[in-house]
């Protein structure tokens, strides 16, 4: 199993440029009560995704303006994982399928656990 970590989110990030199966995503959130929603989106794409243009295959809300959250959130894909036939990309945005990369409300890190191949 491979693990790739990302810690900057102003633009899309390539996790794998070949087919892969994502088993888990761990998001580390440094503070509670960020004052804005933030969404992590996973794409079946071999190049860096373009927020607001490309269509995500999975979305996880990281922050919520009502609740706030501090600690670690996990997204688990059972049954062999989330299959991405082209590659795996991620983008963290301030709106669902949004085009604006999260900077001030971004998580501290995102760890993506995956197996190469489909």
N, C-alpha and C. Protein backbone atom coordinates (compact mmCIF):
# COMPACT_ATOMS: atom_id res chain seq x y z
N UNK A 1 0.84 -1.17 0.00
CA UNK A 1 0.00 0.00 0.00
C UNK A 1 0.89 1.24 0.00
N UNK A 2 0.51 2.19 -0.81
CA UNK A 2 1.23 3.46 -0.88
C UNK A 2 0.44 4.53 -0.13
N UNK A 3 1.16 5.51 0.39
CA UNK A 3 0.54 6.64 1.07
C UNK A 3 1.17 7.91 0.51
N UNK A 4 0.34 8.84 0.10
CA UNK A 4 0.82 10.13 -0.36
C UNK A 4 0.17 11.20 0.51
N UNK A 5 0.98 12.16 0.95
CA UNK A 5 0.48 13.25 1.80
C UNK A 5 0.52 14.56 1.03
N UNK A 6 -0.47 15.38 1.26
CA UNK A 6 -0.52 16.72 0.68
C UNK A 6 -0.74 17.72 1.80
N UNK A 7 -0.12 18.90 1.68
CA UNK A 7 -0.28 19.91 2.71
C UNK A 7 -0.49 21.32 2.15
N UNK A 8 -0.53 21.46 0.83
CA UNK A 8 -0.87 22.74 0.22
C UNK A 8 -2.02 22.50 -0.75
N UNK A 9 -3.00 23.41 -0.76
CA UNK A 9 -4.24 23.13 -1.47
C UNK A 9 -4.75 24.27 -2.32
N UNK A 10 -3.91 25.20 -2.73
CA UNK A 10 -4.37 26.30 -3.56
C UNK A 10 -4.75 25.83 -4.96
N UNK A 11 -4.20 24.69 -5.39
CA UNK A 11 -4.50 24.12 -6.71
C UNK A 11 -4.70 22.62 -6.56
N UNK A 12 -5.10 21.96 -7.65
CA UNK A 12 -5.30 20.52 -7.64
C UNK A 12 -3.98 19.78 -7.44
N UNK A 13 -4.07 18.58 -6.88
CA UNK A 13 -2.88 17.78 -6.57
C UNK A 13 -3.03 16.40 -7.18
N UNK A 14 -1.96 15.90 -7.81
CA UNK A 14 -1.93 14.54 -8.35
C UNK A 14 -1.45 13.61 -7.25
N UNK A 15 -2.24 12.60 -6.92
CA UNK A 15 -1.85 11.59 -5.95
C UNK A 15 -1.20 10.42 -6.68
N UNK A 16 -1.80 9.99 -7.80
CA UNK A 16 -1.26 8.92 -8.64
C UNK A 16 -1.59 9.26 -10.08
N UNK A 17 -0.61 9.14 -10.97
CA UNK A 17 -0.86 9.43 -12.38
C UNK A 17 -1.18 8.16 -13.17
N UNK A 18 -1.51 7.08 -12.47
CA UNK A 18 -1.93 5.82 -13.08
C UNK A 18 -3.09 5.26 -12.28
N UNK A 19 -3.76 4.26 -12.84
CA UNK A 19 -4.91 3.65 -12.17
C UNK A 19 -4.56 3.23 -10.75
N UNK A 20 -5.51 3.42 -9.83
CA UNK A 20 -5.28 3.08 -8.42
C UNK A 20 -6.61 2.85 -7.72
N UNK A 21 -6.54 2.18 -6.56
CA UNK A 21 -7.70 1.95 -5.71
C UNK A 21 -7.43 2.64 -4.38
N UNK A 22 -8.22 3.64 -4.05
CA UNK A 22 -8.07 4.39 -2.81
C UNK A 22 -8.83 3.65 -1.71
N UNK A 23 -8.12 3.30 -0.62
CA UNK A 23 -8.78 2.60 0.47
C UNK A 23 -9.20 3.54 1.59
N UNK A 24 -8.40 4.58 1.87
CA UNK A 24 -8.72 5.51 2.95
C UNK A 24 -8.16 6.89 2.64
N UNK A 25 -8.80 7.89 3.23
CA UNK A 25 -8.29 9.26 3.21
C UNK A 25 -8.37 9.79 4.63
N UNK A 26 -7.27 10.27 5.17
CA UNK A 26 -7.23 10.85 6.52
C UNK A 26 -6.97 12.34 6.38
N UNK A 27 -7.79 13.13 7.02
CA UNK A 27 -7.67 14.60 6.97
C UNK A 27 -7.39 15.10 8.38
N UNK A 28 -6.29 15.84 8.55
CA UNK A 28 -5.95 16.42 9.84
C UNK A 28 -6.36 17.89 9.84
N UNK A 29 -7.21 18.24 10.79
CA UNK A 29 -7.76 19.59 10.90
C UNK A 29 -7.12 20.25 12.12
N UNK A 30 -6.42 21.38 11.95
CA UNK A 30 -5.67 21.96 13.05
C UNK A 30 -6.50 22.71 14.08
N UNK A 31 -7.60 23.34 13.68
CA UNK A 31 -8.37 24.16 14.62
C UNK A 31 -9.86 23.95 14.43
N UNK A 32 -10.62 24.27 15.43
CA UNK A 32 -12.08 24.20 15.34
C UNK A 32 -12.63 25.59 15.02
N UNK A 33 -13.86 25.63 14.46
CA UNK A 33 -14.52 26.91 14.24
C UNK A 33 -13.83 27.76 13.21
N UNK A 34 -13.65 27.24 12.00
CA UNK A 34 -12.92 27.95 10.96
C UNK A 34 -13.70 29.11 10.36
N UNK A 35 -15.01 29.09 10.48
CA UNK A 35 -15.81 30.17 9.91
C UNK A 35 -16.10 29.99 8.44
N UNK A 36 -15.84 28.83 7.88
CA UNK A 36 -16.15 28.60 6.47
C UNK A 36 -16.16 27.12 6.15
N UNK A 37 -16.98 26.76 5.17
CA UNK A 37 -17.02 25.37 4.73
C UNK A 37 -15.81 25.06 3.86
N UNK A 38 -15.33 23.84 3.94
CA UNK A 38 -14.24 23.37 3.10
C UNK A 38 -14.56 21.95 2.68
N UNK A 39 -14.32 21.64 1.41
CA UNK A 39 -14.64 20.33 0.85
C UNK A 39 -13.41 19.72 0.21
N UNK A 40 -13.16 18.43 0.50
CA UNK A 40 -12.11 17.68 -0.16
C UNK A 40 -12.77 16.85 -1.25
N UNK A 41 -12.28 16.97 -2.47
CA UNK A 41 -12.85 16.24 -3.60
C UNK A 41 -11.78 15.34 -4.21
N UNK A 42 -12.17 14.10 -4.51
CA UNK A 42 -11.28 13.13 -5.14
C UNK A 42 -11.74 12.94 -6.58
N UNK A 43 -10.77 12.88 -7.49
CA UNK A 43 -11.05 12.78 -8.92
C UNK A 43 -10.40 11.55 -9.52
N UNK A 44 -11.04 10.96 -10.52
CA UNK A 44 -10.47 9.88 -11.33
C UNK A 44 -9.78 10.57 -12.50
N UNK A 45 -8.52 10.96 -12.27
CA UNK A 45 -7.82 11.79 -13.25
C UNK A 45 -6.32 11.63 -13.06
N UNK A 46 -5.56 11.52 -14.15
CA UNK A 46 -4.11 11.33 -14.08
C UNK A 46 -3.34 12.64 -13.96
N UNK A 47 -4.02 13.76 -14.19
CA UNK A 47 -3.39 15.07 -14.07
C UNK A 47 -4.09 15.85 -12.96
N UNK A 48 -3.52 16.97 -12.60
CA UNK A 48 -4.10 17.78 -11.51
C UNK A 48 -5.51 18.22 -11.88
N UNK A 49 -6.48 17.98 -11.00
CA UNK A 49 -7.86 18.38 -11.29
C UNK A 49 -8.03 19.90 -11.25
N UNK A 50 -9.02 20.35 -12.01
CA UNK A 50 -9.39 21.76 -12.02
C UNK A 50 -10.70 21.91 -11.28
N UNK A 51 -10.64 22.55 -10.11
CA UNK A 51 -11.84 22.75 -9.31
C UNK A 51 -12.90 23.53 -10.06
N UNK A 52 -14.15 23.08 -9.94
CA UNK A 52 -15.25 23.76 -10.61
C UNK A 52 -15.45 23.35 -12.04
N UNK A 53 -14.49 22.61 -12.62
CA UNK A 53 -14.58 22.17 -14.01
C UNK A 53 -14.68 20.65 -14.08
N UNK A 54 -13.73 19.96 -13.44
CA UNK A 54 -13.75 18.50 -13.41
C UNK A 54 -14.79 18.00 -12.41
N UNK A 55 -15.29 16.79 -12.62
CA UNK A 55 -16.32 16.22 -11.75
C UNK A 55 -15.70 15.25 -10.75
N UNK A 56 -15.88 15.48 -9.45
CA UNK A 56 -15.30 14.58 -8.45
C UNK A 56 -16.06 13.25 -8.39
N UNK A 57 -15.34 12.18 -7.98
CA UNK A 57 -15.98 10.88 -7.78
C UNK A 57 -16.32 10.66 -6.31
N UNK A 58 -15.75 11.47 -5.42
CA UNK A 58 -16.07 11.41 -3.99
C UNK A 58 -15.82 12.79 -3.38
N UNK A 59 -16.67 13.16 -2.42
CA UNK A 59 -16.56 14.47 -1.77
C UNK A 59 -16.69 14.27 -0.26
N UNK A 60 -15.85 14.98 0.49
CA UNK A 60 -15.91 14.93 1.96
C UNK A 60 -15.94 16.36 2.48
N UNK A 61 -16.95 16.68 3.29
CA UNK A 61 -16.98 18.00 3.91
C UNK A 61 -16.03 17.98 5.10
N UNK A 62 -15.06 18.89 5.09
CA UNK A 62 -14.05 18.91 6.15
C UNK A 62 -14.47 19.85 7.27
N UNK A 63 -14.86 21.06 6.94
CA UNK A 63 -15.29 22.04 7.94
C UNK A 63 -16.74 22.38 7.72
N UNK A 64 -17.38 22.80 8.75
CA UNK A 64 -18.76 23.24 8.67
C UNK A 64 -18.87 24.53 9.47
N UNK A 65 -19.51 25.53 8.90
CA UNK A 65 -19.61 26.82 9.59
C UNK A 65 -20.40 26.72 10.89
N UNK A 66 -21.29 25.73 10.99
CA UNK A 66 -22.11 25.59 12.20
C UNK A 66 -21.36 24.88 13.32
N UNK A 67 -20.64 23.82 12.98
CA UNK A 67 -20.08 22.94 14.00
C UNK A 67 -18.61 23.18 14.31
N UNK A 68 -17.82 23.44 13.28
CA UNK A 68 -16.37 23.49 13.50
C UNK A 68 -15.89 22.09 13.85
N UNK A 69 -14.64 21.82 13.66
CA UNK A 69 -14.12 20.49 13.94
C UNK A 69 -12.61 20.57 14.08
N UNK A 70 -12.07 19.88 15.05
CA UNK A 70 -10.63 19.82 15.25
C UNK A 70 -10.26 18.36 15.44
N UNK A 71 -9.18 17.92 14.82
CA UNK A 71 -8.73 16.55 14.96
C UNK A 71 -8.54 15.89 13.61
N UNK A 72 -8.99 14.64 13.50
CA UNK A 72 -8.79 13.88 12.27
C UNK A 72 -10.13 13.31 11.80
N UNK A 73 -10.38 13.46 10.52
CA UNK A 73 -11.53 12.84 9.88
C UNK A 73 -11.01 11.78 8.92
N UNK A 74 -11.77 10.70 8.80
CA UNK A 74 -11.38 9.62 7.90
C UNK A 74 -12.53 9.30 6.95
N UNK A 75 -12.17 9.04 5.70
CA UNK A 75 -13.10 8.54 4.70
C UNK A 75 -12.56 7.16 4.32
N UNK A 76 -13.36 6.12 4.50
CA UNK A 76 -12.94 4.75 4.23
C UNK A 76 -13.78 4.20 3.08
N UNK A 77 -13.12 3.56 2.12
CA UNK A 77 -13.78 2.96 0.97
C UNK A 77 -13.64 1.44 1.06
N UNK A 78 -14.67 0.73 1.54
CA UNK A 78 -14.59 -0.73 1.69
C UNK A 78 -14.74 -1.44 0.35
N UNK A 79 -14.62 -2.75 0.38
CA UNK A 79 -14.88 -3.56 -0.82
C UNK A 79 -13.84 -3.39 -1.90
N UNK A 80 -12.59 -3.25 -1.54
CA UNK A 80 -11.54 -3.11 -2.54
C UNK A 80 -11.14 -1.68 -2.84
N UNK A 81 -11.85 -0.73 -2.26
CA UNK A 81 -11.47 0.67 -2.42
C UNK A 81 -12.21 1.38 -3.53
N UNK A 82 -12.01 2.69 -3.60
CA UNK A 82 -12.56 3.54 -4.65
C UNK A 82 -11.68 3.36 -5.88
N UNK A 83 -12.24 2.79 -6.92
CA UNK A 83 -11.45 2.48 -8.12
C UNK A 83 -11.37 3.69 -9.04
N UNK A 84 -10.16 4.08 -9.34
CA UNK A 84 -9.90 5.20 -10.24
C UNK A 84 -9.07 4.66 -11.41
N UNK A 85 -9.69 4.55 -12.59
CA UNK A 85 -9.05 3.93 -13.74
C UNK A 85 -7.99 4.77 -14.42
N UNK A 86 -8.02 6.08 -14.24
CA UNK A 86 -7.05 6.96 -14.90
C UNK A 86 -5.93 7.38 -13.98
N UNK A 87 -6.26 7.66 -12.73
CA UNK A 87 -5.32 8.16 -11.74
C UNK A 87 -6.13 8.75 -10.60
N UNK A 88 -5.45 9.34 -9.64
CA UNK A 88 -6.13 9.90 -8.48
C UNK A 88 -5.65 11.34 -8.29
N UNK A 89 -6.60 12.25 -8.24
CA UNK A 89 -6.28 13.65 -7.96
C UNK A 89 -7.17 14.14 -6.84
N UNK A 90 -6.73 15.21 -6.17
CA UNK A 90 -7.58 15.82 -5.16
C UNK A 90 -7.50 17.32 -5.23
N UNK A 91 -8.57 17.92 -4.73
CA UNK A 91 -8.68 19.37 -4.68
C UNK A 91 -9.47 19.72 -3.43
N UNK A 92 -9.02 20.72 -2.70
CA UNK A 92 -9.73 21.20 -1.52
C UNK A 92 -10.24 22.60 -1.85
N UNK A 93 -11.56 22.76 -1.74
CA UNK A 93 -12.18 24.02 -2.15
C UNK A 93 -13.08 24.56 -1.06
N UNK A 94 -13.46 25.82 -1.23
CA UNK A 94 -14.31 26.49 -0.26
C UNK A 94 -15.80 26.27 -0.52
N UNK A 95 -16.14 25.59 -1.62
CA UNK A 95 -17.53 25.27 -1.94
C UNK A 95 -17.58 23.90 -2.60
N UNK A 96 -18.72 23.23 -2.50
CA UNK A 96 -18.88 21.93 -3.14
C UNK A 96 -18.63 22.06 -4.63
N UNK A 97 -17.68 21.28 -5.15
CA UNK A 97 -17.25 21.34 -6.55
C UNK A 97 -16.89 22.76 -6.97
N UNK A 98 -16.32 23.50 -6.03
CA UNK A 98 -15.96 24.90 -6.29
C UNK A 98 -14.64 25.06 -7.00
N UNK A 99 -14.42 26.25 -7.50
CA UNK A 99 -13.20 26.55 -8.25
C UNK A 99 -12.15 27.25 -7.40
N UNK A 100 -12.51 27.70 -6.20
CA UNK A 100 -11.57 28.43 -5.35
C UNK A 100 -10.89 27.48 -4.38
N UNK A 101 -9.57 27.37 -4.52
CA UNK A 101 -8.81 26.51 -3.62
C UNK A 101 -8.83 27.06 -2.21
N UNK A 102 -8.96 26.15 -1.24
CA UNK A 102 -8.97 26.55 0.17
C UNK A 102 -7.55 26.86 0.61
N UNK A 103 -7.37 28.02 1.20
CA UNK A 103 -6.07 28.38 1.74
C UNK A 103 -6.20 28.65 3.24
N UNK A 104 -7.00 29.63 3.62
CA UNK A 104 -7.13 29.96 5.04
C UNK A 104 -7.94 28.92 5.81
N UNK A 105 -8.82 28.17 5.12
CA UNK A 105 -9.61 27.14 5.79
C UNK A 105 -9.14 25.73 5.42
N UNK A 106 -7.95 25.62 4.88
CA UNK A 106 -7.42 24.33 4.44
C UNK A 106 -7.03 23.46 5.63
N UNK A 107 -7.10 22.13 5.45
CA UNK A 107 -6.62 21.23 6.51
C UNK A 107 -5.11 21.30 6.63
N UNK A 108 -4.58 20.80 7.74
CA UNK A 108 -3.13 20.76 7.92
C UNK A 108 -2.51 19.76 6.95
N UNK A 109 -3.17 18.61 6.77
CA UNK A 109 -2.65 17.61 5.83
C UNK A 109 -3.76 16.67 5.41
N UNK A 110 -3.55 16.03 4.26
CA UNK A 110 -4.43 14.99 3.75
C UNK A 110 -3.54 13.81 3.37
N UNK A 111 -3.81 12.63 3.95
CA UNK A 111 -3.07 11.41 3.64
C UNK A 111 -3.99 10.49 2.85
N UNK A 112 -3.54 10.08 1.66
CA UNK A 112 -4.31 9.21 0.80
C UNK A 112 -3.64 7.84 0.73
N UNK A 113 -4.35 6.81 1.17
CA UNK A 113 -3.85 5.44 1.16
C UNK A 113 -4.41 4.74 -0.08
N UNK A 114 -3.53 4.20 -0.92
CA UNK A 114 -4.01 3.60 -2.17
C UNK A 114 -3.11 2.44 -2.62
N UNK A 115 -3.67 1.60 -3.49
CA UNK A 115 -2.96 0.50 -4.12
C UNK A 115 -2.87 0.82 -5.61
N UNK A 116 -1.68 0.75 -6.18
CA UNK A 116 -1.57 0.95 -7.64
C UNK A 116 -2.34 -0.15 -8.38
N UNK A 117 -2.88 0.19 -9.53
CA UNK A 117 -3.64 -0.76 -10.34
C UNK A 117 -5.12 -0.62 -10.09
N UNK A 118 -5.90 -1.21 -10.98
CA UNK A 118 -7.34 -1.07 -10.88
C UNK A 118 -7.94 -2.42 -10.61
